[in-house]
Amino acid sequence: MEEKAKRLARQLKVLANENRLLILYYLLEKPMTVGDLNKKLSNITQSGLSQHLSILKAHDLLDSNKDGLNITYFVKDKKVKSILQMLKENYIN
């Protein structure tokens, strides 16, 4: 149980970043490439966006599929989707 609590705490710490939350909210709508996300998040450089995506992926919040040169990112876990949706509905919308 302690290990699960530590993992959850690390994931919540990752979520405590405005840009990463926005990335996840956009990915709730549909899977997107870095280029797609970059158009929606004009305040983040492409390298900054790539760093955020790497952090989210390293903490098991995202996954990706590679198709040729394009990498499409999506929210990995149904539980994470559910939590993000609840946060979005109650605090963003």
PDB file of N, CA and C in Angstrom:
ATOM      1  N   MET A   1       0.820  -1.192   0.000  1.00  0.00           N
ATOM      2  CA  MET A   1       0.000   0.000   0.000  1.00  0.00           C
ATOM      3  C   MET A   1       0.869   1.263   0.000  1.00  0.00           C
ATOM      4  N   GLU A   2       1.974   1.232   0.743  1.00  0.00           N
ATOM      5  CA  GLU A   2       2.854   2.405   0.788  1.00  0.00           C
ATOM      6  C   GLU A   2       3.407   2.739  -0.591  1.00  0.00           C
ATOM      7  N   GLU A   3       3.792   1.707  -1.336  1.00  0.00           N
ATOM      8  CA  GLU A   3       4.358   1.936  -2.669  1.00  0.00           C
ATOM      9  C   GLU A   3       3.322   2.563  -3.598  1.00  0.00           C
ATOM     10  N   LYS A   4       2.078   2.108  -3.501  1.00  0.00           N
ATOM     11  CA  LYS A   4       1.010   2.685  -4.325  1.00  0.00           C
ATOM     12  C   LYS A   4       0.764   4.139  -3.947  1.00  0.00           C
ATOM     13  N   ALA A   5       0.824   4.433  -2.658  1.00  0.00           N
ATOM     14  CA  ALA A   5       0.636   5.815  -2.202  1.00  0.00           C
ATOM     15  C   ALA A   5       1.771   6.706  -2.710  1.00  0.00           C
ATOM     16  N   LYS A   6       2.999   6.187  -2.701  1.00  0.00           N
ATOM     17  CA  LYS A   6       4.137   6.957  -3.212  1.00  0.00           C
ATOM     18  C   LYS A   6       3.979   7.224  -4.703  1.00  0.00           C
ATOM     19  N   ARG A   7       3.549   6.203  -5.437  1.00  0.00           N
ATOM     20  CA  ARG A   7       3.365   6.366  -6.889  1.00  0.00           C
ATOM     21  C   ARG A   7       2.286   7.413  -7.172  1.00  0.00           C
ATOM     22  N   LEU A   8       1.182   7.329  -6.436  1.00  0.00           N
ATOM     23  CA  LEU A   8       0.102   8.296  -6.619  1.00  0.00           C
ATOM     24  C   LEU A   8       0.577   9.709  -6.290  1.00  0.00           C
ATOM     25  N   ALA A   9       1.337   9.851  -5.215  1.00  0.00           N
ATOM     26  CA  ALA A   9       1.855  11.171  -4.833  1.00  0.00           C
ATOM     27  C   ALA A   9       2.748  11.742  -5.933  1.00  0.00           C
ATOM     28  N   ARG A  10       3.580  10.894  -6.545  1.00  0.00           N
ATOM     29  CA  ARG A  10       4.435  11.361  -7.648  1.00  0.00           C
ATOM     30  C   ARG A  10       3.587  11.803  -8.839  1.00  0.00           C
ATOM     31  N   GLN A  11       2.552  11.035  -9.148  1.00  0.00           N
ATOM     32  CA  GLN A  11       1.686  11.395 -10.275  1.00  0.00           C
ATOM     33  C   GLN A  11       0.946  12.697 -10.003  1.00  0.00           C
ATOM     34  N   LEU A  12       0.462  12.873  -8.791  1.00  0.00           N
ATOM     35  CA  LEU A  12      -0.243  14.115  -8.456  1.00  0.00           C
ATOM     36  C   LEU A  12       0.701  15.315  -8.516  1.00  0.00           C
ATOM     37  N   LYS A  13       1.949  15.104  -8.128  1.00  0.00           N
ATOM     38  CA  LYS A  13       2.941  16.178  -8.215  1.00  0.00           C
ATOM     39  C   LYS A  13       3.153  16.586  -9.674  1.00  0.00           C
ATOM     40  N   VAL A  14       3.179  15.609 -10.562  1.00  0.00           N
ATOM     41  CA  VAL A  14       3.328  15.880 -11.994  1.00  0.00           C
ATOM     42  C   VAL A  14       2.119  16.666 -12.503  1.00  0.00           C
ATOM     43  N   LEU A  15       0.946  16.360 -11.991  1.00  0.00           N
ATOM     44  CA  LEU A  15      -0.280  17.046 -12.416  1.00  0.00           C
ATOM     45  C   LEU A  15      -0.366  18.478 -11.899  1.00  0.00           C
ATOM     46  N   ALA A  16       0.443  18.806 -10.913  1.00  0.00           N
ATOM     47  CA  ALA A  16       0.392  20.141 -10.314  1.00  0.00           C
ATOM     48  C   ALA A  16       1.161  21.158 -11.159  1.00  0.00           C
ATOM     49  N   ASN A  17       0.995  21.066 -12.463  1.00  0.00           N
ATOM     50  CA  ASN A  17       1.635  21.982 -13.403  1.00  0.00           C
ATOM     51  C   ASN A  17       0.591  22.370 -14.447  1.00  0.00           C
ATOM     52  N   GLU A  18       0.367  23.650 -14.586  1.00  0.00           N
ATOM     53  CA  GLU A  18      -0.679  24.155 -15.486  1.00  0.00           C
ATOM     54  C   GLU A  18      -0.532  23.632 -16.917  1.00  0.00           C
ATOM     55  N   ASN A  19       0.673  23.663 -17.442  1.00  0.00           N
ATOM     56  CA  ASN A  19       0.879  23.224 -18.825  1.00  0.00           C
ATOM     57  C   ASN A  19       0.605  21.737 -19.001  1.00  0.00           C
ATOM     58  N   ARG A  20       1.039  20.932 -18.036  1.00  0.00           N
ATOM     59  CA  ARG A  20       0.788  19.491 -18.144  1.00  0.00           C
ATOM     60  C   ARG A  20      -0.695  19.182 -18.018  1.00  0.00           C
ATOM     61  N   LEU A  21      -1.395  19.915 -17.167  1.00  0.00           N
ATOM     62  CA  LEU A  21      -2.852  19.722 -17.077  1.00  0.00           C
ATOM     63  C   LEU A  21      -3.526  20.072 -18.400  1.00  0.00           C
ATOM     64  N   LEU A  22      -3.118  21.168 -18.997  1.00  0.00           N
ATOM     65  CA  LEU A  22      -3.700  21.555 -20.289  1.00  0.00           C
ATOM     66  C   LEU A  22      -3.432  20.500 -21.356  1.00  0.00           C
ATOM     67  N   ILE A  23      -2.219  19.975 -21.382  1.00  0.00           N
ATOM     68  CA  ILE A  23      -1.887  18.914 -22.336  1.00  0.00           C
ATOM     69  C   ILE A  23      -2.824  17.732 -22.133  1.00  0.00           C
ATOM     70  N   LEU A  24      -2.987  17.319 -20.894  1.00  0.00           N
ATOM     71  CA  LEU A  24      -3.850  16.173 -20.609  1.00  0.00           C
ATOM     72  C   LEU A  24      -5.305  16.464 -20.957  1.00  0.00           C
ATOM     73  N   TYR A  25      -5.774  17.668 -20.681  1.00  0.00           N
ATOM     74  CA  TYR A  25      -7.152  18.015 -21.031  1.00  0.00           C
ATOM     75  C   TYR A  25      -7.370  17.952 -22.536  1.00  0.00           C
ATOM     76  N   TYR A  26      -6.418  18.443 -23.311  1.00  0.00           N
ATOM     77  CA  TYR A  26      -6.548  18.343 -24.775  1.00  0.00           C
ATOM     78  C   TYR A  26      -6.517  16.889 -25.230  1.00  0.00           C
ATOM     79  N   LEU A  27      -5.687  16.089 -24.575  1.00  0.00           N
ATOM     80  CA  LEU A  27      -5.600  14.682 -24.968  1.00  0.00           C
ATOM     81  C   LEU A  27      -6.816  13.874 -24.523  1.00  0.00           C
ATOM     82  N   LEU A  28      -7.579  14.396 -23.579  1.00  0.00           N
ATOM     83  CA  LEU A  28      -8.851  13.750 -23.229  1.00  0.00           C
ATOM     84  C   LEU A  28      -9.819  13.826 -24.403  1.00  0.00           C
ATOM     85  N   GLU A  29      -9.755  14.934 -25.143  1.00  0.00           N
ATOM     86  CA  GLU A  29     -10.649  15.127 -26.286  1.00  0.00           C
ATOM     87  C   GLU A  29     -10.357  14.124 -27.388  1.00  0.00           C
ATOM     88  N   LYS A  30      -9.058  13.947 -27.687  1.00  0.00           N
ATOM     89  CA  LYS A  30      -8.645  12.999 -28.727  1.00  0.00           C
ATOM     90  C   LYS A  30      -7.131  12.855 -28.696  1.00  0.00           C
ATOM     91  N   PRO A  31      -6.601  11.744 -29.189  1.00  0.00           N
ATOM     92  CA  PRO A  31      -5.147  11.605 -29.307  1.00  0.00           C
ATOM     93  C   PRO A  31      -4.601  12.666 -30.259  1.00  0.00           C
ATOM     94  N   MET A  32      -3.405  13.171 -29.960  1.00  0.00           N
ATOM     95  CA  MET A  32      -2.813  14.241 -30.766  1.00  0.00           C
ATOM     96  C   MET A  32      -1.315  14.048 -30.917  1.00  0.00           C
ATOM     97  N   THR A  33      -0.791  14.625 -31.998  1.00  0.00           N
ATOM     98  CA  THR A  33       0.653  14.671 -32.207  1.00  0.00           C
ATOM     99  C   THR A  33       1.215  15.910 -31.510  1.00  0.00           C
ATOM    100  N   VAL A  34       2.526  15.996 -31.451  1.00  0.00           N
ATOM    101  CA  VAL A  34       3.177  17.180 -30.884  1.00  0.00           C
ATOM    102  C   VAL A  34       2.761  18.419 -31.672  1.00  0.00           C
ATOM    103  N   GLY A  35       2.686  18.292 -32.991  1.00  0.00           N
ATOM    104  CA  GLY A  35       2.272  19.421 -33.829  1.00  0.00           C
ATOM    105  C   GLY A  35       0.867  19.895 -33.510  1.00  0.00           C
ATOM    106  N   ASP A  36      -0.054  18.939 -33.308  1.00  0.00           N
ATOM    107  CA  ASP A  36      -1.434  19.288 -32.940  1.00  0.00           C
ATOM    108  C   ASP A  36      -1.460  20.036 -31.610  1.00  0.00           C
ATOM    109  N   LEU A  37      -0.740  19.499 -30.631  1.00  0.00           N
ATOM    110  CA  LEU A  37      -0.707  20.126 -29.309  1.00  0.00           C
ATOM    111  C   LEU A  37      -0.036  21.494 -29.362  1.00  0.00           C
ATOM    112  N   ASN A  38       0.997  21.604 -30.167  1.00  0.00           N
ATOM    113  CA  ASN A  38       1.723  22.870 -30.285  1.00  0.00           C
ATOM    114  C   ASN A  38       0.820  23.985 -30.812  1.00  0.00           C
ATOM    115  N   LYS A  39      -0.105  23.648 -31.711  1.00  0.00           N
ATOM    116  CA  LYS A  39      -1.056  24.639 -32.231  1.00  0.00           C
ATOM    117  C   LYS A  39      -1.997  25.130 -31.139  1.00  0.00           C
ATOM    118  N   LYS A  40      -2.377  24.238 -30.231  1.00  0.00           N
ATOM    119  CA  LYS A  40      -3.310  24.604 -29.164  1.00  0.00           C
ATOM    120  C   LYS A  40      -2.611  25.309 -28.002  1.00  0.00           C
ATOM    121  N   LEU A  41      -1.343  24.995 -27.804  1.00  0.00           N
ATOM    122  CA  LEU A  41      -0.586  25.536 -26.673  1.00  0.00           C
ATOM    123  C   LEU A  41       0.519  26.450 -27.188  1.00  0.00           C
ATOM    124  N   SER A  42       0.143  27.579 -27.708  1.00  0.00           N
ATOM    125  CA  SER A  42       1.105  28.483 -28.348  1.00  0.00           C
ATOM    126  C   SER A  42       2.081  29.119 -27.356  1.00  0.00           C
ATOM    127  N   ASN A  43       1.775  29.046 -26.061  1.00  0.00           N
ATOM    128  CA  ASN A  43       2.663  29.640 -25.062  1.00  0.00           C
ATOM    129  C   ASN A  43       3.822  28.717 -24.681  1.00  0.00           C
ATOM    130  N   ILE A  44       3.830  27.485 -25.200  1.00  0.00           N
ATOM    131  CA  ILE A  44       4.887  26.524 -24.890  1.00  0.00           C
ATOM    132  C   ILE A  44       5.697  26.270 -26.162  1.00  0.00           C
ATOM    133  N   THR A  45       7.009  26.323 -26.050  1.00  0.00           N
ATOM    134  CA  THR A  45       7.846  25.991 -27.206  1.00  0.00           C
ATOM    135  C   THR A  45       7.727  24.499 -27.501  1.00  0.00           C
ATOM    136  N   GLN A  46       8.097  24.111 -28.703  1.00  0.00           N
ATOM    137  CA  GLN A  46       8.005  22.697 -29.057  1.00  0.00           C
ATOM    138  C   GLN A  46       8.929  21.852 -28.175  1.00  0.00           C
ATOM    139  N   SER A  47      10.103  22.370 -27.846  1.00  0.00           N
ATOM    140  CA  SER A  47      11.004  21.611 -26.970  1.00  0.00           C
ATOM    141  C   SER A  47      10.433  21.515 -25.556  1.00  0.00           C
ATOM    142  N   GLY A  48       9.810  22.592 -25.085  1.00  0.00           N
ATOM    143  CA  GLY A  48       9.153  22.565 -23.777  1.00  0.00           C
ATOM    144  C   GLY A  48       8.007  21.577 -23.755  1.00  0.00           C
ATOM    145  N   LEU A  49       7.236  21.564 -24.827  1.00  0.00           N
ATOM    146  CA  LEU A  49       6.126  20.624 -24.951  1.00  0.00           C
ATOM    147  C   LEU A  49       6.639  19.192 -24.931  1.00  0.00           C
ATOM    148  N   SER A  50       7.713  18.939 -25.653  1.00  0.00           N
ATOM    149  CA  SER A  50       8.302  17.596 -25.676  1.00  0.00           C
ATOM    150  C   SER A  50       8.771  17.176 -24.288  1.00  0.00           C
ATOM    151  N   GLN A  51       9.327  18.112 -23.522  1.00  0.00           N
ATOM    152  CA  GLN A  51       9.750  17.807 -22.149  1.00  0.00           C
ATOM    153  C   GLN A  51       8.551  17.439 -21.282  1.00  0.00           C
ATOM    154  N   HIS A  52       7.471  18.211 -21.389  1.00  0.00           N
ATOM    155  CA  HIS A  52       6.270  17.908 -20.613  1.00  0.00           C
ATOM    156  C   HIS A  52       5.711  16.539 -20.992  1.00  0.00           C
ATOM    157  N   LEU A  53       5.679  16.236 -22.281  1.00  0.00           N
ATOM    158  CA  LEU A  53       5.182  14.937 -22.732  1.00  0.00           C
ATOM    159  C   LEU A  53       6.049  13.807 -22.188  1.00  0.00           C
ATOM    160  N   SER A  54       7.349  13.996 -22.166  1.00  0.00           N
ATOM    161  CA  SER A  54       8.259  12.979 -21.624  1.00  0.00           C
ATOM    162  C   SER A  54       8.004  12.741 -20.142  1.00  0.00           C
ATOM    163  N   ILE A  55       7.798  13.815 -19.403  1.00  0.00           N
ATOM    164  CA  ILE A  55       7.516  13.698 -17.968  1.00  0.00           C
ATOM    165  C   ILE A  55       6.203  12.951 -17.751  1.00  0.00           C
ATOM    166  N   LEU A  56       5.172  13.323 -18.497  1.00  0.00           N
ATOM    167  CA  LEU A  56       3.869  12.661 -18.356  1.00  0.00           C
ATOM    168  C   LEU A  56       3.964  11.183 -18.713  1.00  0.00           C
ATOM    169  N   LYS A  57       4.720  10.885 -19.734  1.00  0.00           N
ATOM    170  CA  LYS A  57       4.885   9.490 -20.158  1.00  0.00           C
ATOM    171  C   LYS A  57       5.693   8.703 -19.121  1.00  0.00           C
ATOM    172  N   ALA A  58       6.733   9.308 -18.577  1.00  0.00           N
ATOM    173  CA  ALA A  58       7.572   8.642 -17.573  1.00  0.00           C
ATOM    174  C   ALA A  58       6.794   8.303 -16.308  1.00  0.00           C
ATOM    175  N   HIS A  59       5.736   9.063 -16.034  1.00  0.00           N
ATOM    176  CA  HIS A  59       4.916   8.820 -14.846  1.00  0.00           C
ATOM    177  C   HIS A  59       3.632   8.053 -15.179  1.00  0.00           C
ATOM    178  N   ASP A  60       3.627   7.395 -16.329  1.00  0.00           N
ATOM    179  CA  ASP A  60       2.517   6.525 -16.757  1.00  0.00           C
ATOM    180  C   ASP A  60       1.183   7.243 -16.899  1.00  0.00           C
ATOM    181  N   LEU A  61       1.216   8.523 -17.220  1.00  0.00           N
ATOM    182  CA  LEU A  61      -0.019   9.261 -17.441  1.00  0.00           C
ATOM    183  C   LEU A  61      -0.374   9.317 -18.921  1.00  0.00           C
ATOM    184  N   LEU A  62       0.621   9.117 -19.769  1.00  0.00           N
ATOM    185  CA  LEU A  62       0.432   9.125 -21.222  1.00  0.00           C
ATOM    186  C   LEU A  62       1.068   7.893 -21.830  1.00  0.00           C
ATOM    187  N   ASP A  63       0.630   7.607 -23.036  1.00  0.00           N
ATOM    188  CA  ASP A  63       1.310   6.628 -23.873  1.00  0.00           C
ATOM    189  C   ASP A  63       1.320   7.196 -25.281  1.00  0.00           C
ATOM    190  N   SER A  64       2.004   6.525 -26.173  1.00  0.00           N
ATOM    191  CA  SER A  64       2.095   7.041 -27.538  1.00  0.00           C
ATOM    192  C   SER A  64       2.162   5.900 -28.535  1.00  0.00           C
ATOM    193  N   ASN A  65       1.789   6.222 -29.757  1.00  0.00           N
ATOM    194  CA  ASN A  65       1.925   5.322 -30.899  1.00  0.00           C
ATOM    195  C   ASN A  65       2.735   6.047 -31.951  1.00  0.00           C
ATOM    196  N   LYS A  66       3.660   5.322 -32.555  1.00  0.00           N
ATOM    197  CA  LYS A  66       4.478   5.915 -33.612  1.00  0.00           C
ATOM    198  C   LYS A  66       4.003   5.384 -34.951  1.00  0.00           C
ATOM    199  N   ASP A  67       3.770   6.314 -35.883  1.00  0.00           N
ATOM    200  CA  ASP A  67       3.364   5.968 -37.242  1.00  0.00           C
ATOM    201  C   ASP A  67       4.260   6.754 -38.194  1.00  0.00           C
ATOM    202  N   GLY A  68       5.296   6.112 -38.673  1.00  0.00           N
ATOM    203  CA  GLY A  68       6.258   6.822 -39.512  1.00  0.00           C
ATOM    204  C   GLY A  68       6.985   7.861 -38.687  1.00  0.00           C
ATOM    205  N   LEU A  69       6.908   9.109 -39.105  1.00  0.00           N
ATOM    206  CA  LEU A  69       7.556  10.196 -38.372  1.00  0.00           C
ATOM    207  C   LEU A  69       6.673  10.778 -37.276  1.00  0.00           C
ATOM    208  N   ASN A  70       5.386  10.465 -37.306  1.00  0.00           N
ATOM    209  CA  ASN A  70       4.450  11.041 -36.341  1.00  0.00           C
ATOM    210  C   ASN A  70       4.315  10.174 -35.096  1.00  0.00           C
ATOM    211  N   ILE A  71       4.329  10.845 -33.954  1.00  0.00           N
ATOM    212  CA  ILE A  71       4.057  10.179 -32.682  1.00  0.00           C
ATOM    213  C   ILE A  71       2.768  10.777 -32.147  1.00  0.00           C
ATOM    214  N   THR A  72       1.789   9.924 -31.915  1.00  0.00           N
ATOM    215  CA  THR A  72       0.498  10.358 -31.396  1.00  0.00           C
ATOM    216  C   THR A  72       0.428  10.002 -29.917  1.00  0.00           C
ATOM    217  N   TYR A  73       0.084  10.991 -29.101  1.00  0.00           N
ATOM    218  CA  TYR A  73      -0.004  10.809 -27.654  1.00  0.00           C
ATOM    219  C   TYR A  73      -1.461  10.683 -27.233  1.00  0.00           C
ATOM    220  N   PHE A  74      -1.686   9.915 -26.166  1.00  0.00           N
ATOM    221  CA  PHE A  74      -3.032   9.742 -25.627  1.00  0.00           C
ATOM    222  C   PHE A  74      -2.943   9.443 -24.134  1.00  0.00           C
ATOM    223  N   VAL A  75      -4.037   9.741 -23.420  1.00  0.00           N
ATOM    224  CA  VAL A  75      -4.104   9.441 -21.991  1.00  0.00           C
ATOM    225  C   VAL A  75      -4.212   7.930 -21.861  1.00  0.00           C
ATOM    226  N   LYS A  76      -3.343   7.368 -21.058  1.00  0.00           N
ATOM    227  CA  LYS A  76      -3.133   5.926 -21.014  1.00  0.00           C
ATOM    228  C   LYS A  76      -4.185   5.161 -20.214  1.00  0.00           C
ATOM    229  N   ASP A  77      -4.504   5.628 -19.060  1.00  0.00           N
ATOM    230  CA  ASP A  77      -5.246   4.849 -18.076  1.00  0.00           C
ATOM    231  C   ASP A  77      -6.679   5.357 -17.921  1.00  0.00           C
ATOM    232  N   LYS A  78      -7.626   4.442 -17.857  1.00  0.00           N
ATOM    233  CA  LYS A  78      -9.037   4.827 -17.685  1.00  0.00           C
ATOM    234  C   LYS A  78      -9.259   5.560 -16.365  1.00  0.00           C
ATOM    235  N   LYS A  79      -8.545   5.153 -15.322  1.00  0.00           N
ATOM    236  CA  LYS A  79      -8.689   5.821 -14.023  1.00  0.00           C
ATOM    237  C   LYS A  79      -8.197   7.266 -14.109  1.00  0.00           C
ATOM    238  N   VAL A  80      -7.086   7.458 -14.789  1.00  0.00           N
ATOM    239  CA  VAL A  80      -6.544   8.811 -14.972  1.00  0.00           C
ATOM    240  C   VAL A  80      -7.526   9.648 -15.782  1.00  0.00           C
ATOM    241  N   LYS A  81      -8.081   9.061 -16.846  1.00  0.00           N
ATOM    242  CA  LYS A  81      -9.083   9.771 -17.654  1.00  0.00           C
ATOM    243  C   LYS A  81     -10.256  10.206 -16.792  1.00  0.00           C
ATOM    244  N   SER A  82     -10.718   9.302 -15.950  1.00  0.00           N
ATOM    245  CA  SER A  82     -11.863   9.594 -15.091  1.00  0.00           C
ATOM    246  C   SER A  82     -11.557  10.740 -14.120  1.00  0.00           C
ATOM    247  N   ILE A  83     -10.392  10.703 -13.513  1.00  0.00           N
ATOM    248  CA  ILE A  83      -9.996  11.760 -12.571  1.00  0.00           C
ATOM    249  C   ILE A  83      -9.859  13.099 -13.283  1.00  0.00           C
ATOM    250  N   LEU A  84      -9.204  13.088 -14.437  1.00  0.00           N
ATOM    251  CA  LEU A  84      -9.033  14.327 -15.202  1.00  0.00           C
ATOM    252  C   LEU A  84     -10.371  14.898 -15.651  1.00  0.00           C
ATOM    253  N   GLN A  85     -11.266  14.025 -16.085  1.00  0.00           N
ATOM    254  CA  GLN A  85     -12.585  14.472 -16.522  1.00  0.00           C
ATOM    255  C   GLN A  85     -13.343  15.120 -15.368  1.00  0.00           C
ATOM    256  N   MET A  86     -13.268  14.495 -14.192  1.00  0.00           N
ATOM    257  CA  MET A  86     -13.935  15.048 -13.012  1.00  0.00           C
ATOM    258  C   MET A  86     -13.351  16.416 -12.657  1.00  0.00           C
ATOM    259  N   LEU A  87     -12.030  16.535 -12.672  1.00  0.00           N
ATOM    260  CA  LEU A  87     -11.388  17.819 -12.373  1.00  0.00           C
ATOM    261  C   LEU A  87     -11.786  18.880 -13.389  1.00  0.00           C
ATOM    262  N   LYS A  88     -11.788  18.499 -14.654  1.00  0.00           N
ATOM    263  CA  LYS A  88     -12.140  19.442 -15.715  1.00  0.00           C
ATOM    264  C   LYS A  88     -13.579  19.926 -15.565  1.00  0.00           C
ATOM    265  N   GLU A  89     -14.496  18.998 -15.332  1.00  0.00           N
ATOM    266  CA  GLU A  89     -15.914  19.359 -15.212  1.00  0.00           C
ATOM    267  C   GLU A  89     -16.184  20.233 -13.998  1.00  0.00           C
ATOM    268  N   ASN A  90     -15.497  19.958 -12.891  1.00  0.00           N
ATOM    269  CA  ASN A  90     -15.786  20.666 -11.653  1.00  0.00           C
ATOM    270  C   ASN A  90     -14.982  21.943 -11.444  1.00  0.00           C
ATOM    271  N   TYR A  91     -13.837  22.061 -12.105  1.00  0.00           N
ATOM    272  CA  TYR A  91     -12.979  23.208 -11.829  1.00  0.00           C
ATOM    273  C   TYR A  91     -12.610  24.039 -13.051  1.00  0.00           C
ATOM    274  N   ILE A  92     -12.771  23.502 -14.248  1.00  0.00           N
ATOM    275  CA  ILE A  92     -12.384  24.230 -15.452  1.00  0.00           C
ATOM    276  C   ILE A  92     -13.604  24.725 -16.215  1.00  0.00           C
ATOM    277  N   ASN A  93     -14.549  23.854 -16.455  1.00  0.00           N
ATOM    278  CA  ASN A  93     -15.744  24.222 -17.247  1.00  0.00           C
ATOM    279  C   ASN A  93     -16.646  25.168 -16.502  1.00  0.00           C
TER     280      ASN A  93
END
